[in-house]
Amino acid sequence: MHETEAKAKVKTHERLEEKLKEMGFEYIGETNEHNSMYDICGFLKRHDRALRMRKDETGCCITYKGKQEDSSYKHRREIEFGIPLFLYSALYAIIPNSLKYEKKRLTYQRDKCKVCLDDVKKLGKFVEIEGQEEEIKLIIEQLGIKETTKESYPQMIARLGHQPDKE
């Protein structure tokens, strides 16, 4: 499966929440995500790939993100699968992570398009739009978003000089 998304930093989510409801988006729910990034001797980063393990109220998963493809927005192969909590806990304890980050996510859905309002610790508030490129472009315009980024949250955190959390 491929994922296409646009992401933008925003000052607040309140106006966006109202606008999404007006545009016919359904509120799906809120999650508090704990994300851990993994890399083997920097191999994945050097080849523009990522491996993430996530835990939230809905469960645990592992996600592989492939190399970014040529697109107006972030477009890459994504493979994600759920794992049981005991496996998540074992892998988390055994394998050193390269970076951890947490975010609170409010999710809205309309047809096959998903809009997430993220509050990311260390970074602030963002809107993330996933769907077909044409629909993403239209939603960006309707929400009044002026600038988007292809940068991931881990890339932003690393750029700002935050080191991996130590436990």
Foldseek 3Di string as FASTA:
>chain_A
DKWWKWKDADQDCVLVVVLCVVVPWAWDFKKKKKKFWADDVCPQVVQQKTWMWMQIPVAIKIKIWHHFDDDPTGMTDMDMDGDHPVVVVVCPVPGDTFAIWIWMWTWIDDDPKIWIWIQIPPPGTMIMIIDDPVVNVVVCVSSVPDDTDRDDPVRVCVVVPDGHDDD
